[in-house]
């Protein structure tokens, strides 16, 4: 958890040292292996993150967090087919219906990543706000480059004390918002370094 704190503070090298030390103490732990992948993901080292996640999933293919984080690594590398496949895998593990999976596949086939994420956002909105955090909805809006909507959801997340906000500076889903003055204001209110 200290490594997560260091990531949120932008102290990447210190975080890596803590992650590697934790892994030395428990090298067989899927949690520690997953955490090292998360460090690489947060540091935007996707070429290191992807094989780390594949290693975790080889040991335990039922870990939703590993699939979820691999979705992001593949997407950021431009490996969109793999990203969508991982997203569908994790949603299957979490109980998404076969009809919804088919609808997401069709959206991707017809309209690419934009259509895919618009459909994810529609499913999220249809499920009701209480089932998903405002931070997560804000990230979907940011992925879709719906900046104003993303900031609206980030404000809801802030007002709800959404724990996801501690990672906002290091979450690559929000990279396209960094140059906006509203992002700097949010970091200031969260007492996170710019």
N, C-alpha and C. Protein backbone atom coordinates (compact mmCIF):
# COMPACT_ATOMS: atom_id res chain seq x y z
N UNK A 1 0.83 -1.20 0.00
CA UNK A 1 0.00 0.00 0.00
C UNK A 1 0.87 1.25 0.00
N UNK A 2 2.04 1.16 0.63
CA UNK A 2 2.94 2.31 0.61
C UNK A 2 3.39 2.61 -0.82
N UNK A 3 3.61 1.58 -1.59
CA UNK A 3 3.97 1.77 -2.99
C UNK A 3 2.86 2.49 -3.75
N UNK A 4 1.61 2.15 -3.47
CA UNK A 4 0.47 2.84 -4.10
C UNK A 4 0.48 4.32 -3.72
N UNK A 5 0.76 4.59 -2.46
CA UNK A 5 0.86 5.98 -2.01
C UNK A 5 1.94 6.72 -2.80
N UNK A 6 3.11 6.08 -2.93
CA UNK A 6 4.21 6.71 -3.65
C UNK A 6 3.83 6.96 -5.11
N UNK A 7 3.11 6.04 -5.73
CA UNK A 7 2.64 6.25 -7.10
C UNK A 7 1.74 7.47 -7.18
N UNK A 8 0.82 7.60 -6.24
CA UNK A 8 -0.10 8.73 -6.23
C UNK A 8 0.64 10.06 -6.04
N UNK A 9 1.76 10.01 -5.36
CA UNK A 9 2.55 11.21 -5.13
C UNK A 9 3.53 11.49 -6.27
N UNK A 10 3.55 10.58 -7.27
CA UNK A 10 4.45 10.76 -8.41
C UNK A 10 5.88 10.34 -8.13
N UNK A 11 6.09 9.57 -7.09
CA UNK A 11 7.45 9.13 -6.70
C UNK A 11 7.68 7.72 -7.23
N UNK A 12 7.83 7.63 -8.55
CA UNK A 12 7.85 6.35 -9.26
C UNK A 12 9.02 5.45 -8.85
N UNK A 13 10.22 6.00 -8.77
CA UNK A 13 11.39 5.17 -8.47
C UNK A 13 11.29 4.57 -7.07
N UNK A 14 10.85 5.38 -6.11
CA UNK A 14 10.69 4.86 -4.75
C UNK A 14 9.61 3.76 -4.72
N UNK A 15 8.55 3.97 -5.48
CA UNK A 15 7.48 2.97 -5.55
C UNK A 15 8.01 1.66 -6.10
N UNK A 16 8.82 1.73 -7.15
CA UNK A 16 9.39 0.52 -7.74
C UNK A 16 10.24 -0.23 -6.72
N UNK A 17 11.04 0.50 -5.95
CA UNK A 17 11.88 -0.14 -4.93
C UNK A 17 11.03 -0.86 -3.89
N UNK A 18 9.95 -0.23 -3.46
CA UNK A 18 9.05 -0.84 -2.46
C UNK A 18 8.37 -2.07 -3.06
N UNK A 19 7.93 -1.96 -4.31
CA UNK A 19 7.27 -3.09 -4.99
C UNK A 19 8.20 -4.29 -5.10
N UNK A 20 9.44 -4.03 -5.51
CA UNK A 20 10.40 -5.13 -5.67
C UNK A 20 10.76 -5.74 -4.32
N UNK A 21 10.85 -4.92 -3.29
CA UNK A 21 11.14 -5.44 -1.95
C UNK A 21 10.01 -6.34 -1.47
N UNK A 22 8.77 -5.93 -1.71
CA UNK A 22 7.62 -6.75 -1.31
C UNK A 22 7.62 -8.07 -2.07
N UNK A 23 7.98 -8.03 -3.34
CA UNK A 23 8.02 -9.24 -4.14
C UNK A 23 9.13 -10.18 -3.68
N UNK A 24 10.24 -9.62 -3.23
CA UNK A 24 11.33 -10.46 -2.69
C UNK A 24 10.87 -11.22 -1.45
N UNK A 25 10.02 -10.61 -0.64
CA UNK A 25 9.53 -11.26 0.58
C UNK A 25 8.51 -12.35 0.29
N UNK A 26 7.81 -12.22 -0.83
CA UNK A 26 6.77 -13.20 -1.15
C UNK A 26 6.70 -13.38 -2.68
N UNK A 27 7.74 -14.01 -3.27
CA UNK A 27 7.83 -14.09 -4.74
C UNK A 27 6.74 -14.91 -5.41
N UNK A 28 6.10 -15.80 -4.69
CA UNK A 28 5.06 -16.64 -5.30
C UNK A 28 3.68 -16.00 -5.20
N UNK A 29 3.57 -14.90 -4.52
CA UNK A 29 2.27 -14.28 -4.29
C UNK A 29 1.73 -13.63 -5.56
N UNK A 30 0.54 -14.07 -6.03
CA UNK A 30 -0.07 -13.40 -7.18
C UNK A 30 -0.34 -11.91 -6.90
N UNK A 31 -0.64 -11.59 -5.64
CA UNK A 31 -0.90 -10.19 -5.29
C UNK A 31 0.34 -9.34 -5.49
N UNK A 32 1.48 -9.84 -5.06
CA UNK A 32 2.73 -9.08 -5.22
C UNK A 32 3.13 -9.02 -6.70
N UNK A 33 2.91 -10.11 -7.44
CA UNK A 33 3.19 -10.11 -8.88
C UNK A 33 2.27 -9.09 -9.59
N UNK A 34 1.01 -9.09 -9.19
CA UNK A 34 0.04 -8.16 -9.77
C UNK A 34 0.45 -6.72 -9.45
N UNK A 35 0.89 -6.49 -8.23
CA UNK A 35 1.28 -5.14 -7.85
C UNK A 35 2.45 -4.63 -8.69
N UNK A 36 3.42 -5.49 -8.98
CA UNK A 36 4.53 -5.06 -9.82
C UNK A 36 4.02 -4.68 -11.21
N UNK A 37 3.08 -5.44 -11.73
CA UNK A 37 2.45 -5.06 -13.00
C UNK A 37 1.77 -3.72 -12.91
N UNK A 38 1.08 -3.46 -11.79
CA UNK A 38 0.41 -2.18 -11.59
C UNK A 38 1.42 -1.04 -11.56
N UNK A 39 2.56 -1.28 -10.92
CA UNK A 39 3.60 -0.25 -10.91
C UNK A 39 4.01 0.09 -12.34
N UNK A 40 4.29 -0.94 -13.14
CA UNK A 40 4.71 -0.71 -14.53
C UNK A 40 3.61 0.02 -15.31
N UNK A 41 2.37 -0.38 -15.08
CA UNK A 41 1.24 0.25 -15.77
C UNK A 41 1.17 1.74 -15.42
N UNK A 42 1.27 2.04 -14.15
CA UNK A 42 1.17 3.42 -13.68
C UNK A 42 2.36 4.25 -14.17
N UNK A 43 3.51 3.63 -14.28
CA UNK A 43 4.71 4.32 -14.76
C UNK A 43 4.73 4.43 -16.29
N UNK A 44 3.66 3.94 -16.94
CA UNK A 44 3.52 3.97 -18.40
C UNK A 44 4.58 3.09 -19.08
N UNK A 45 5.02 2.05 -18.39
CA UNK A 45 5.98 1.09 -18.92
C UNK A 45 5.21 -0.15 -19.39
N UNK A 46 4.46 0.04 -20.45
CA UNK A 46 3.54 -0.99 -20.91
C UNK A 46 4.24 -2.24 -21.41
N UNK A 47 5.44 -2.09 -21.96
CA UNK A 47 6.19 -3.25 -22.43
C UNK A 47 6.65 -4.13 -21.26
N UNK A 48 6.71 -3.58 -20.07
CA UNK A 48 7.01 -4.38 -18.87
C UNK A 48 5.72 -4.85 -18.19
N UNK A 49 4.69 -4.04 -18.25
CA UNK A 49 3.43 -4.37 -17.60
C UNK A 49 2.76 -5.59 -18.25
N UNK A 50 2.72 -5.61 -19.57
CA UNK A 50 1.99 -6.68 -20.27
C UNK A 50 2.52 -8.06 -19.92
N UNK A 51 3.84 -8.31 -20.05
CA UNK A 51 4.31 -9.66 -19.68
C UNK A 51 4.14 -9.97 -18.20
N UNK A 52 4.19 -8.93 -17.36
CA UNK A 52 3.98 -9.16 -15.93
C UNK A 52 2.55 -9.64 -15.68
N UNK A 53 1.58 -9.01 -16.32
CA UNK A 53 0.18 -9.44 -16.16
C UNK A 53 -0.04 -10.82 -16.75
N UNK A 54 0.58 -11.10 -17.89
CA UNK A 54 0.42 -12.43 -18.49
C UNK A 54 0.98 -13.51 -17.56
N UNK A 55 2.06 -13.19 -16.87
CA UNK A 55 2.64 -14.11 -15.89
C UNK A 55 1.66 -14.36 -14.74
N UNK A 56 1.04 -13.29 -14.26
CA UNK A 56 0.05 -13.42 -13.18
C UNK A 56 -1.12 -14.28 -13.64
N UNK A 57 -1.61 -14.00 -14.85
CA UNK A 57 -2.78 -14.72 -15.35
C UNK A 57 -2.48 -16.18 -15.70
N UNK A 58 -1.24 -16.46 -16.01
CA UNK A 58 -0.86 -17.86 -16.25
C UNK A 58 -0.98 -18.64 -14.94
N UNK A 59 -0.63 -18.00 -13.84
CA UNK A 59 -0.74 -18.65 -12.53
C UNK A 59 -2.18 -18.72 -12.06
N UNK A 60 -2.95 -17.66 -12.34
CA UNK A 60 -4.35 -17.62 -11.91
C UNK A 60 -5.18 -16.81 -12.91
N UNK A 61 -5.80 -17.48 -13.89
CA UNK A 61 -6.56 -16.76 -14.92
C UNK A 61 -7.87 -16.14 -14.44
N UNK A 62 -8.22 -16.36 -13.17
CA UNK A 62 -9.50 -15.85 -12.67
C UNK A 62 -9.37 -14.53 -11.91
N UNK A 63 -8.23 -13.87 -12.00
CA UNK A 63 -8.04 -12.62 -11.26
C UNK A 63 -8.56 -11.43 -12.08
N UNK A 64 -9.72 -10.89 -11.71
CA UNK A 64 -10.27 -9.77 -12.49
C UNK A 64 -9.34 -8.56 -12.56
N UNK A 65 -8.64 -8.25 -11.46
CA UNK A 65 -7.77 -7.07 -11.47
C UNK A 65 -6.66 -7.20 -12.51
N UNK A 66 -6.12 -8.40 -12.68
CA UNK A 66 -5.08 -8.60 -13.68
C UNK A 66 -5.63 -8.37 -15.08
N UNK A 67 -6.81 -8.90 -15.35
CA UNK A 67 -7.45 -8.66 -16.66
C UNK A 67 -7.75 -7.18 -16.85
N UNK A 68 -8.30 -6.54 -15.82
CA UNK A 68 -8.66 -5.12 -15.90
C UNK A 68 -7.46 -4.25 -16.22
N UNK A 69 -6.36 -4.51 -15.54
CA UNK A 69 -5.17 -3.71 -15.75
C UNK A 69 -4.52 -4.02 -17.10
N UNK A 70 -4.64 -5.26 -17.54
CA UNK A 70 -4.13 -5.62 -18.86
C UNK A 70 -4.93 -4.94 -19.96
N UNK A 71 -6.23 -4.72 -19.73
CA UNK A 71 -7.06 -3.96 -20.67
C UNK A 71 -6.42 -2.61 -20.94
N UNK A 72 -6.02 -1.93 -19.88
CA UNK A 72 -5.44 -0.59 -20.00
C UNK A 72 -4.09 -0.65 -20.70
N UNK A 73 -3.24 -1.59 -20.29
CA UNK A 73 -1.91 -1.69 -20.90
C UNK A 73 -2.02 -1.95 -22.41
N UNK A 74 -2.88 -2.86 -22.80
CA UNK A 74 -3.07 -3.13 -24.22
C UNK A 74 -3.62 -1.89 -24.94
N UNK A 75 -4.61 -1.23 -24.34
CA UNK A 75 -5.20 -0.06 -24.98
C UNK A 75 -4.16 1.04 -25.17
N UNK A 76 -3.35 1.28 -24.15
CA UNK A 76 -2.35 2.33 -24.23
C UNK A 76 -1.25 1.99 -25.24
N UNK A 77 -1.02 0.72 -25.48
CA UNK A 77 -0.03 0.29 -26.48
C UNK A 77 -0.63 0.28 -27.89
N UNK A 78 -1.93 0.50 -27.99
CA UNK A 78 -2.59 0.47 -29.30
C UNK A 78 -2.97 -0.93 -29.75
N UNK A 79 -2.91 -1.89 -28.84
CA UNK A 79 -3.30 -3.28 -29.13
C UNK A 79 -4.78 -3.43 -28.79
N UNK A 80 -5.60 -2.86 -29.66
CA UNK A 80 -7.02 -2.70 -29.34
C UNK A 80 -7.79 -4.00 -29.32
N UNK A 81 -7.52 -4.92 -30.25
CA UNK A 81 -8.21 -6.21 -30.23
C UNK A 81 -7.95 -6.95 -28.92
N UNK A 82 -6.70 -6.92 -28.48
CA UNK A 82 -6.35 -7.59 -27.22
C UNK A 82 -7.00 -6.89 -26.03
N UNK A 83 -7.05 -5.56 -26.09
CA UNK A 83 -7.67 -4.81 -25.00
C UNK A 83 -9.15 -5.17 -24.86
N UNK A 84 -9.85 -5.20 -25.98
CA UNK A 84 -11.27 -5.55 -25.96
C UNK A 84 -11.46 -6.98 -25.47
N UNK A 85 -10.63 -7.90 -25.94
CA UNK A 85 -10.74 -9.30 -25.51
C UNK A 85 -10.58 -9.43 -24.00
N UNK A 86 -9.61 -8.71 -23.44
CA UNK A 86 -9.41 -8.75 -21.99
C UNK A 86 -10.58 -8.13 -21.24
N UNK A 87 -11.11 -7.03 -21.77
CA UNK A 87 -12.26 -6.39 -21.13
C UNK A 87 -13.45 -7.36 -21.10
N UNK A 88 -13.68 -8.03 -22.21
CA UNK A 88 -14.79 -8.99 -22.26
C UNK A 88 -14.55 -10.16 -21.31
N UNK A 89 -13.28 -10.56 -21.17
CA UNK A 89 -12.94 -11.64 -20.26
C UNK A 89 -13.26 -11.25 -18.81
N UNK A 90 -12.86 -10.05 -18.43
CA UNK A 90 -13.10 -9.64 -17.04
C UNK A 90 -14.60 -9.45 -16.79
N UNK A 91 -15.31 -8.91 -17.76
CA UNK A 91 -16.75 -8.74 -17.57
C UNK A 91 -17.47 -10.08 -17.51
N UNK A 92 -16.99 -11.05 -18.24
CA UNK A 92 -17.54 -12.40 -18.15
C UNK A 92 -17.31 -12.96 -16.75
N UNK A 93 -16.09 -12.77 -16.24
CA UNK A 93 -15.78 -13.23 -14.88
C UNK A 93 -16.67 -12.54 -13.84
N UNK A 94 -17.03 -11.29 -14.11
CA UNK A 94 -17.83 -10.52 -13.15
C UNK A 94 -19.33 -10.67 -13.36
N UNK A 95 -19.73 -11.48 -14.35
CA UNK A 95 -21.15 -11.81 -14.49
C UNK A 95 -21.92 -11.05 -15.55
N UNK A 96 -21.24 -10.39 -16.48
CA UNK A 96 -21.98 -9.73 -17.55
C UNK A 96 -22.70 -10.79 -18.38
N UNK A 97 -23.89 -10.48 -18.85
CA UNK A 97 -24.69 -11.46 -19.59
C UNK A 97 -24.11 -11.70 -20.97
N UNK A 98 -24.36 -12.89 -21.53
CA UNK A 98 -23.90 -13.17 -22.90
C UNK A 98 -24.46 -12.18 -23.93
N UNK A 99 -25.68 -11.71 -23.72
CA UNK A 99 -26.25 -10.72 -24.64
C UNK A 99 -25.47 -9.41 -24.60
N UNK A 100 -25.08 -8.98 -23.41
CA UNK A 100 -24.29 -7.75 -23.30
C UNK A 100 -22.90 -7.93 -23.93
N UNK A 101 -22.30 -9.09 -23.71
CA UNK A 101 -20.99 -9.38 -24.32
C UNK A 101 -21.12 -9.31 -25.84
N UNK A 102 -22.18 -9.92 -26.37
CA UNK A 102 -22.41 -9.90 -27.83
C UNK A 102 -22.61 -8.47 -28.32
N UNK A 103 -23.32 -7.65 -27.54
CA UNK A 103 -23.55 -6.26 -27.93
C UNK A 103 -22.24 -5.46 -27.95
N UNK A 104 -21.37 -5.71 -26.97
CA UNK A 104 -20.07 -5.04 -26.96
C UNK A 104 -19.21 -5.46 -28.15
N UNK A 105 -19.23 -6.76 -28.45
CA UNK A 105 -18.47 -7.25 -29.61
C UNK A 105 -18.98 -6.59 -30.90
N UNK A 106 -20.29 -6.50 -31.03
CA UNK A 106 -20.89 -5.89 -32.22
C UNK A 106 -20.54 -4.40 -32.31
N UNK A 107 -20.55 -3.71 -31.19
CA UNK A 107 -20.20 -2.28 -31.18
C UNK A 107 -18.76 -2.08 -31.61
N UNK A 108 -17.87 -2.94 -31.14
CA UNK A 108 -16.46 -2.84 -31.52
C UNK A 108 -16.28 -3.14 -33.00
N UNK A 109 -16.95 -4.19 -33.48
CA UNK A 109 -16.84 -4.56 -34.89
C UNK A 109 -17.36 -3.45 -35.81
N UNK A 110 -18.43 -2.79 -35.38
CA UNK A 110 -19.06 -1.76 -36.21
C UNK A 110 -18.36 -0.40 -36.10
N UNK A 111 -18.00 0.00 -34.88
CA UNK A 111 -17.55 1.38 -34.66
C UNK A 111 -16.21 1.49 -33.95
N UNK A 112 -15.46 0.42 -33.85
CA UNK A 112 -14.14 0.49 -33.22
C UNK A 112 -14.22 0.79 -31.73
N UNK A 113 -13.11 1.32 -31.23
CA UNK A 113 -13.02 1.57 -29.79
C UNK A 113 -14.02 2.62 -29.31
N UNK A 114 -14.28 3.62 -30.13
CA UNK A 114 -15.24 4.65 -29.69
C UNK A 114 -16.62 4.02 -29.48
N UNK A 115 -17.07 3.22 -30.43
CA UNK A 115 -18.36 2.55 -30.29
C UNK A 115 -18.38 1.59 -29.12
N UNK A 116 -17.26 0.91 -28.92
CA UNK A 116 -17.14 -0.02 -27.81
C UNK A 116 -17.31 0.71 -26.48
N UNK A 117 -16.56 1.80 -26.26
CA UNK A 117 -16.61 2.51 -25.00
C UNK A 117 -17.92 3.26 -24.81
N UNK A 118 -18.52 3.71 -25.91
CA UNK A 118 -19.85 4.33 -25.78
C UNK A 118 -20.87 3.30 -25.28
N UNK A 119 -20.75 2.07 -25.76
CA UNK A 119 -21.65 1.01 -25.31
C UNK A 119 -21.38 0.65 -23.84
N UNK A 120 -20.10 0.61 -23.45
CA UNK A 120 -19.76 0.38 -22.03
C UNK A 120 -20.40 1.47 -21.18
N UNK A 121 -20.28 2.71 -21.63
CA UNK A 121 -20.87 3.83 -20.88
C UNK A 121 -22.39 3.71 -20.80
N UNK A 122 -23.03 3.31 -21.89
CA UNK A 122 -24.48 3.10 -21.89
C UNK A 122 -24.88 2.03 -20.87
N UNK A 123 -24.14 0.91 -20.85
CA UNK A 123 -24.42 -0.16 -19.88
C UNK A 123 -24.28 0.37 -18.46
N UNK A 124 -23.25 1.18 -18.24
CA UNK A 124 -22.99 1.74 -16.92
C UNK A 124 -24.14 2.64 -16.48
N UNK A 125 -24.56 3.52 -17.38
CA UNK A 125 -25.66 4.43 -17.06
C UNK A 125 -26.96 3.67 -16.84
N UNK A 126 -27.17 2.60 -17.59
CA UNK A 126 -28.39 1.81 -17.45
C UNK A 126 -28.41 1.03 -16.12
N UNK A 127 -27.23 0.68 -15.62
CA UNK A 127 -27.17 -0.10 -14.38
C UNK A 127 -27.44 0.75 -13.14
N UNK A 128 -27.42 2.06 -13.30
CA UNK A 128 -27.67 2.95 -12.16
C UNK A 128 -26.39 3.38 -11.51
N UNK A 129 -26.36 4.62 -11.06
CA UNK A 129 -25.15 5.20 -10.49
C UNK A 129 -24.69 4.48 -9.23
N UNK A 130 -25.59 3.86 -8.51
CA UNK A 130 -25.20 3.26 -7.24
C UNK A 130 -24.33 2.01 -7.43
N UNK A 131 -24.31 1.45 -8.63
CA UNK A 131 -23.57 0.20 -8.85
C UNK A 131 -22.14 0.43 -9.32
N UNK A 132 -21.79 1.64 -9.68
CA UNK A 132 -20.45 1.93 -10.15
C UNK A 132 -20.03 3.29 -9.62
N UNK A 133 -18.76 3.44 -9.34
CA UNK A 133 -18.29 4.68 -8.73
C UNK A 133 -18.28 5.82 -9.73
N UNK A 134 -18.50 7.04 -9.25
CA UNK A 134 -18.41 8.21 -10.13
C UNK A 134 -17.03 8.32 -10.79
N UNK A 135 -16.01 7.91 -10.06
CA UNK A 135 -14.64 7.94 -10.61
C UNK A 135 -14.55 7.06 -11.86
N UNK A 136 -15.14 5.88 -11.81
CA UNK A 136 -15.09 4.97 -12.96
C UNK A 136 -15.84 5.55 -14.15
N UNK A 137 -17.00 6.14 -13.89
CA UNK A 137 -17.75 6.76 -14.99
C UNK A 137 -16.95 7.91 -15.58
N UNK A 138 -16.29 8.69 -14.71
CA UNK A 138 -15.44 9.79 -15.19
C UNK A 138 -14.33 9.25 -16.09
N UNK A 139 -13.79 8.09 -15.74
CA UNK A 139 -12.71 7.53 -16.57
C UNK A 139 -13.24 7.11 -17.94
N UNK A 140 -14.45 6.53 -17.99
CA UNK A 140 -15.03 6.17 -19.29
C UNK A 140 -15.23 7.42 -20.15
N UNK A 141 -15.70 8.49 -19.52
CA UNK A 141 -15.90 9.76 -20.26
C UNK A 141 -14.56 10.30 -20.75
N UNK A 142 -13.54 10.20 -19.93
CA UNK A 142 -12.21 10.68 -20.34
C UNK A 142 -11.67 9.85 -21.50
N UNK A 143 -11.84 8.54 -21.44
CA UNK A 143 -11.40 7.67 -22.54
C UNK A 143 -12.07 8.10 -23.84
N UNK A 144 -13.34 8.50 -23.74
CA UNK A 144 -14.10 8.93 -24.91
C UNK A 144 -13.84 10.40 -25.27
N UNK A 145 -12.95 11.04 -24.53
CA UNK A 145 -12.60 12.44 -24.75
C UNK A 145 -13.80 13.37 -24.51
N UNK A 146 -14.71 12.94 -23.64
CA UNK A 146 -15.84 13.77 -23.22
C UNK A 146 -15.39 14.49 -21.95
N UNK A 147 -14.59 15.53 -22.15
CA UNK A 147 -13.91 16.17 -21.03
C UNK A 147 -14.87 16.81 -20.04
N UNK A 148 -15.84 17.55 -20.54
CA UNK A 148 -16.77 18.22 -19.62
C UNK A 148 -17.53 17.21 -18.77
N UNK A 149 -18.00 16.15 -19.42
CA UNK A 149 -18.71 15.10 -18.66
C UNK A 149 -17.79 14.43 -17.66
N UNK A 150 -16.53 14.22 -18.07
CA UNK A 150 -15.58 13.60 -17.16
C UNK A 150 -15.39 14.46 -15.91
N UNK A 151 -15.24 15.77 -16.12
CA UNK A 151 -15.08 16.66 -14.97
C UNK A 151 -16.34 16.71 -14.10
N UNK A 152 -17.51 16.61 -14.72
CA UNK A 152 -18.74 16.56 -13.93
C UNK A 152 -18.73 15.33 -13.01
N UNK A 153 -18.33 14.18 -13.56
CA UNK A 153 -18.28 12.96 -12.76
C UNK A 153 -17.15 13.00 -11.73
N UNK A 154 -16.04 13.65 -12.09
CA UNK A 154 -14.96 13.79 -11.10
C UNK A 154 -15.41 14.65 -9.93
N UNK A 155 -16.21 15.66 -10.22
CA UNK A 155 -16.75 16.50 -9.14
C UNK A 155 -17.68 15.68 -8.25
N UNK A 156 -18.49 14.82 -8.87
CA UNK A 156 -19.35 13.93 -8.08
C UNK A 156 -18.50 12.99 -7.23
N UNK A 157 -17.42 12.48 -7.82
CA UNK A 157 -16.51 11.60 -7.08
C UNK A 157 -15.89 12.34 -5.90
N UNK A 158 -15.50 13.58 -6.13
CA UNK A 158 -14.91 14.40 -5.06
C UNK A 158 -15.92 14.60 -3.93
N UNK A 159 -17.14 14.96 -4.27
CA UNK A 159 -18.18 15.20 -3.26
C UNK A 159 -18.57 13.93 -2.51
N UNK A 160 -18.42 12.78 -3.18
CA UNK A 160 -18.76 11.49 -2.55
C UNK A 160 -17.56 10.88 -1.82
N UNK A 161 -16.42 11.57 -1.84
CA UNK A 161 -15.19 11.05 -1.23
C UNK A 161 -14.81 9.69 -1.83
N UNK A 162 -14.95 9.58 -3.14
CA UNK A 162 -14.64 8.35 -3.87
C UNK A 162 -13.14 8.03 -3.72
N UNK A 163 -12.85 6.85 -3.20
CA UNK A 163 -11.45 6.49 -2.94
C UNK A 163 -10.61 6.39 -4.21
N UNK A 164 -11.24 6.21 -5.36
CA UNK A 164 -10.50 6.13 -6.61
C UNK A 164 -9.72 7.39 -6.91
N UNK A 165 -10.17 8.51 -6.38
CA UNK A 165 -9.52 9.79 -6.67
C UNK A 165 -8.07 9.86 -6.24
N UNK A 166 -7.66 9.05 -5.28
CA UNK A 166 -6.26 9.11 -4.86
C UNK A 166 -5.31 8.74 -6.01
N UNK A 167 -5.82 8.03 -7.00
CA UNK A 167 -4.98 7.60 -8.12
C UNK A 167 -5.11 8.48 -9.36
N UNK A 168 -5.84 9.57 -9.26
CA UNK A 168 -6.17 10.33 -10.46
C UNK A 168 -4.95 10.85 -11.20
N UNK A 169 -3.94 11.25 -10.48
CA UNK A 169 -2.75 11.80 -11.13
C UNK A 169 -1.99 10.73 -11.90
N UNK A 170 -2.02 9.52 -11.41
CA UNK A 170 -1.24 8.44 -12.03
C UNK A 170 -2.07 7.57 -12.97
N UNK A 171 -3.37 7.77 -13.03
CA UNK A 171 -4.26 6.96 -13.87
C UNK A 171 -4.20 7.46 -15.31
N UNK A 172 -3.71 6.62 -16.21
CA UNK A 172 -3.53 7.03 -17.61
C UNK A 172 -4.84 7.34 -18.32
N UNK A 173 -5.96 6.87 -17.80
CA UNK A 173 -7.25 7.20 -18.42
C UNK A 173 -7.49 8.71 -18.43
N UNK A 174 -6.87 9.41 -17.50
CA UNK A 174 -7.10 10.85 -17.38
C UNK A 174 -5.97 11.70 -17.96
N UNK A 175 -5.04 11.10 -18.66
CA UNK A 175 -3.90 11.85 -19.20
C UNK A 175 -4.35 13.02 -20.08
N UNK A 176 -5.44 12.83 -20.82
CA UNK A 176 -5.90 13.90 -21.71
C UNK A 176 -6.53 15.08 -20.97
N UNK A 177 -6.68 14.98 -19.65
CA UNK A 177 -7.25 16.06 -18.87
C UNK A 177 -6.19 16.90 -18.16
N UNK A 178 -4.95 16.44 -18.15
CA UNK A 178 -3.91 17.08 -17.35
C UNK A 178 -3.69 18.55 -17.68
N UNK A 179 -3.87 18.94 -18.94
CA UNK A 179 -3.59 20.33 -19.33
C UNK A 179 -4.77 21.27 -19.01
N UNK A 180 -5.88 20.73 -18.56
CA UNK A 180 -7.05 21.53 -18.23
C UNK A 180 -6.91 22.11 -16.82
N UNK A 181 -7.24 23.40 -16.68
CA UNK A 181 -7.13 24.06 -15.37
C UNK A 181 -7.99 23.37 -14.31
N UNK A 182 -9.08 22.74 -14.72
CA UNK A 182 -9.95 22.05 -13.76
C UNK A 182 -9.23 20.86 -13.14
N UNK A 183 -8.31 20.24 -13.89
CA UNK A 183 -7.55 19.12 -13.36
C UNK A 183 -6.59 19.61 -12.26
N UNK A 184 -5.89 20.70 -12.54
CA UNK A 184 -4.97 21.27 -11.54
C UNK A 184 -5.75 21.67 -10.28
N UNK A 185 -6.94 22.24 -10.46
CA UNK A 185 -7.77 22.62 -9.33
C UNK A 185 -8.15 21.40 -8.50
N UNK A 186 -8.52 20.33 -9.17
CA UNK A 186 -8.89 19.10 -8.45
C UNK A 186 -7.71 18.54 -7.68
N UNK A 187 -6.53 18.51 -8.31
CA UNK A 187 -5.33 18.04 -7.59
C UNK A 187 -5.07 18.90 -6.37
N UNK A 188 -5.24 20.20 -6.51
CA UNK A 188 -5.03 21.12 -5.38
C UNK A 188 -6.00 20.80 -4.24
N UNK A 189 -7.27 20.60 -4.57
CA UNK A 189 -8.28 20.31 -3.55
C UNK A 189 -8.01 18.95 -2.88
N UNK A 190 -7.45 18.02 -3.66
CA UNK A 190 -7.13 16.70 -3.12
C UNK A 190 -5.79 16.70 -2.35
N UNK A 191 -5.09 17.83 -2.43
CA UNK A 191 -3.77 17.96 -1.81
C UNK A 191 -2.76 16.99 -2.42
N UNK A 192 -2.87 16.78 -3.73
CA UNK A 192 -1.92 15.97 -4.47
C UNK A 192 -0.96 16.91 -5.20
N UNK A 193 0.31 16.53 -5.31
CA UNK A 193 1.26 17.42 -6.01
C UNK A 193 0.93 17.53 -7.49
N UNK A 194 1.19 18.72 -8.05
CA UNK A 194 0.97 18.93 -9.49
C UNK A 194 2.07 18.31 -10.31
